[in-house]
C-alpha cells in the first residue's frame, strides 16, 4: 500500500462543540500492482483514491461526542 504524507488526516473532537482534542491519522491507497490478478490488476482497475484512518482512543462510554474531520492542510 502506498502512503501519502503531504495531507495528514485529523479529527477534532470533544464532549462539547469546542472540539478541544485532536488526533492525527494516516492516509493510504493502493495501486494495480497491489491487486492479485486480472481483471482487477488490468485495464479494469479503477483508482480508489485515498483511505483515511484516524483512531480515537479513551472515549467515555454512553457520552455524546462532537467532531470535525479534515486534514492538517485544511487547518493552515
C-alpha atoms as a PDB file:
ATOM      1  CA  UNK A   1       0.000   0.000   0.000  1.00  0.00           C
ATOM      2  CA  UNK A   2       1.184   3.498  -0.807  1.00  0.00           C
ATOM      3  CA  UNK A   3       1.096   6.195   1.864  1.00  0.00           C
ATOM      4  CA  UNK A   4       0.573   9.917   1.425  1.00  0.00           C
ATOM      5  CA  UNK A   5       2.348  12.146   3.917  1.00  0.00           C
ATOM      6  CA  UNK A   6       1.501  15.560   2.452  1.00  0.00           C
ATOM      7  CA  UNK A   7      -2.059  15.692   3.826  1.00  0.00           C
ATOM      8  CA  UNK A   8      -2.364  14.169   7.271  1.00  0.00           C
ATOM      9  CA  UNK A   9      -5.984  13.434   8.243  1.00  0.00           C
ATOM     10  CA  UNK A  10      -7.126  14.867  11.576  1.00  0.00           C
ATOM     11  CA  UNK A  11     -10.203  14.687  13.768  1.00  0.00           C
ATOM     12  CA  UNK A  12     -11.055  17.475  16.195  1.00  0.00           C
ATOM     13  CA  UNK A  13     -13.433  16.234  18.890  1.00  0.00           C
ATOM     14  CA  UNK A  14     -14.769  16.769  22.378  1.00  0.00           C
ATOM     15  CA  UNK A  15     -17.724  16.461  24.701  1.00  0.00           C
ATOM     16  CA  UNK A  16     -18.975  19.882  23.591  1.00  0.00           C
ATOM     17  CA  UNK A  17     -18.747  21.972  20.439  1.00  0.00           C
ATOM     18  CA  UNK A  18     -15.397  23.494  21.453  1.00  0.00           C
ATOM     19  CA  UNK A  19     -13.633  20.401  19.982  1.00  0.00           C
ATOM     20  CA  UNK A  20     -10.587  20.755  22.217  1.00  0.00           C
ATOM     21  CA  UNK A  21      -8.992  17.380  21.438  1.00  0.00           C
ATOM     22  CA  UNK A  22      -7.199  16.470  18.208  1.00  0.00           C
ATOM     23  CA  UNK A  23      -5.935  13.174  16.772  1.00  0.00           C
ATOM     24  CA  UNK A  24      -3.880  12.681  13.630  1.00  0.00           C
ATOM     25  CA  UNK A  25      -4.115   9.612  11.426  1.00  0.00           C
ATOM     26  CA  UNK A  26      -2.751   8.215   8.173  1.00  0.00           C
ATOM     27  CA  UNK A  27      -3.872   8.206   4.555  1.00  0.00           C
ATOM     28  CA  UNK A  28      -3.217   5.267   2.258  1.00  0.00           C
ATOM     29  CA  UNK A  29      -4.174   3.976  -1.156  1.00  0.00           C
ATOM     30  CA  UNK A  30      -3.398   1.020  -3.363  1.00  0.00           C
ATOM     31  CA  UNK A  31      -2.427   0.584  -6.991  1.00  0.00           C
ATOM     32  CA  UNK A  32      -2.992  -2.046  -9.676  1.00  0.00           C
ATOM     33  CA  UNK A  33       0.272  -3.749  -8.684  1.00  0.00           C
ATOM     34  CA  UNK A  34      -1.206  -4.415  -5.199  1.00  0.00           C
ATOM     35  CA  UNK A  35      -4.033  -6.488  -6.716  1.00  0.00           C
ATOM     36  CA  UNK A  36      -3.750 -10.267  -7.141  1.00  0.00           C
ATOM     37  CA  UNK A  37      -4.702 -10.920 -10.768  1.00  0.00           C
ATOM     38  CA  UNK A  38      -6.609  -9.667 -13.782  1.00  0.00           C
ATOM     39  CA  UNK A  39      -9.119  -8.193 -14.284  1.00  0.00           C
ATOM     40  CA  UNK A  40      -8.622  -6.266 -11.025  1.00  0.00           C
ATOM     41  CA  UNK A  41      -4.957  -5.569 -11.788  1.00  0.00           C
ATOM     42  CA  UNK A  42      -5.501  -4.930 -15.514  1.00  0.00           C
ATOM     43  CA  UNK A  43      -7.443  -2.498 -17.613  1.00  0.00           C
ATOM     44  CA  UNK A  44     -10.459  -2.685 -15.281  1.00  0.00           C
ATOM     45  CA  UNK A  45      -8.528  -1.292 -12.323  1.00  0.00           C
ATOM     46  CA  UNK A  46     -10.031   1.957 -11.027  1.00  0.00           C
ATOM     47  CA  UNK A  47      -8.025   4.294  -8.804  1.00  0.00           C
ATOM     48  CA  UNK A  48      -9.714   4.027  -5.383  1.00  0.00           C
ATOM     49  CA  UNK A  49      -8.499   7.379  -4.106  1.00  0.00           C
ATOM     50  CA  UNK A  50      -7.283   7.570  -0.527  1.00  0.00           C
ATOM     51  CA  UNK A  51      -8.465   5.762   2.592  1.00  0.00           C
ATOM     52  CA  UNK A  52      -8.167   7.917   5.719  1.00  0.00           C
ATOM     53  CA  UNK A  53      -7.812   6.347   9.180  1.00  0.00           C
ATOM     54  CA  UNK A  54      -7.896   8.222  12.488  1.00  0.00           C
ATOM     55  CA  UNK A  55      -8.224   6.182  15.676  1.00  0.00           C
ATOM     56  CA  UNK A  56      -9.876   7.916  18.637  1.00  0.00           C
ATOM     57  CA  UNK A  57      -8.935   6.368  21.964  1.00  0.00           C
ATOM     58  CA  UNK A  58     -10.004   6.851  25.596  1.00  0.00           C
ATOM     59  CA  UNK A  59     -13.592   7.723  24.680  1.00  0.00           C
ATOM     60  CA  UNK A  60     -16.065   7.546  27.538  1.00  0.00           C
ATOM     61  CA  UNK A  61     -18.998   5.133  27.090  1.00  0.00           C
ATOM     62  CA  UNK A  62     -22.554   6.490  26.848  1.00  0.00           C
ATOM     63  CA  UNK A  63     -21.323  10.019  26.087  1.00  0.00           C
ATOM     64  CA  UNK A  64     -22.165  12.200  23.100  1.00  0.00           C
ATOM     65  CA  UNK A  65     -19.102  13.428  21.202  1.00  0.00           C
ATOM     66  CA  UNK A  66     -18.900  16.262  18.717  1.00  0.00           C
ATOM     67  CA  UNK A  67     -16.335  16.046  15.954  1.00  0.00           C
ATOM     68  CA  UNK A  68     -14.998  17.592  12.795  1.00  0.00           C
ATOM     69  CA  UNK A  69     -12.644  15.930  10.331  1.00  0.00           C
ATOM     70  CA  UNK A  70     -10.291  17.175   7.665  1.00  0.00           C
ATOM     71  CA  UNK A  71      -6.545  17.398   7.128  1.00  0.00           C
ATOM     72  CA  UNK A  72      -3.609  19.321   8.518  1.00  0.00           C
ATOM     73  CA  UNK A  73      -3.543  21.183   5.199  1.00  0.00           C
ATOM     74  CA  UNK A  74      -7.071  22.497   5.835  1.00  0.00           C
ATOM     75  CA  UNK A  75      -6.033  23.936   9.219  1.00  0.00           C
ATOM     76  CA  UNK A  76      -3.356  26.233   7.773  1.00  0.00           C
END
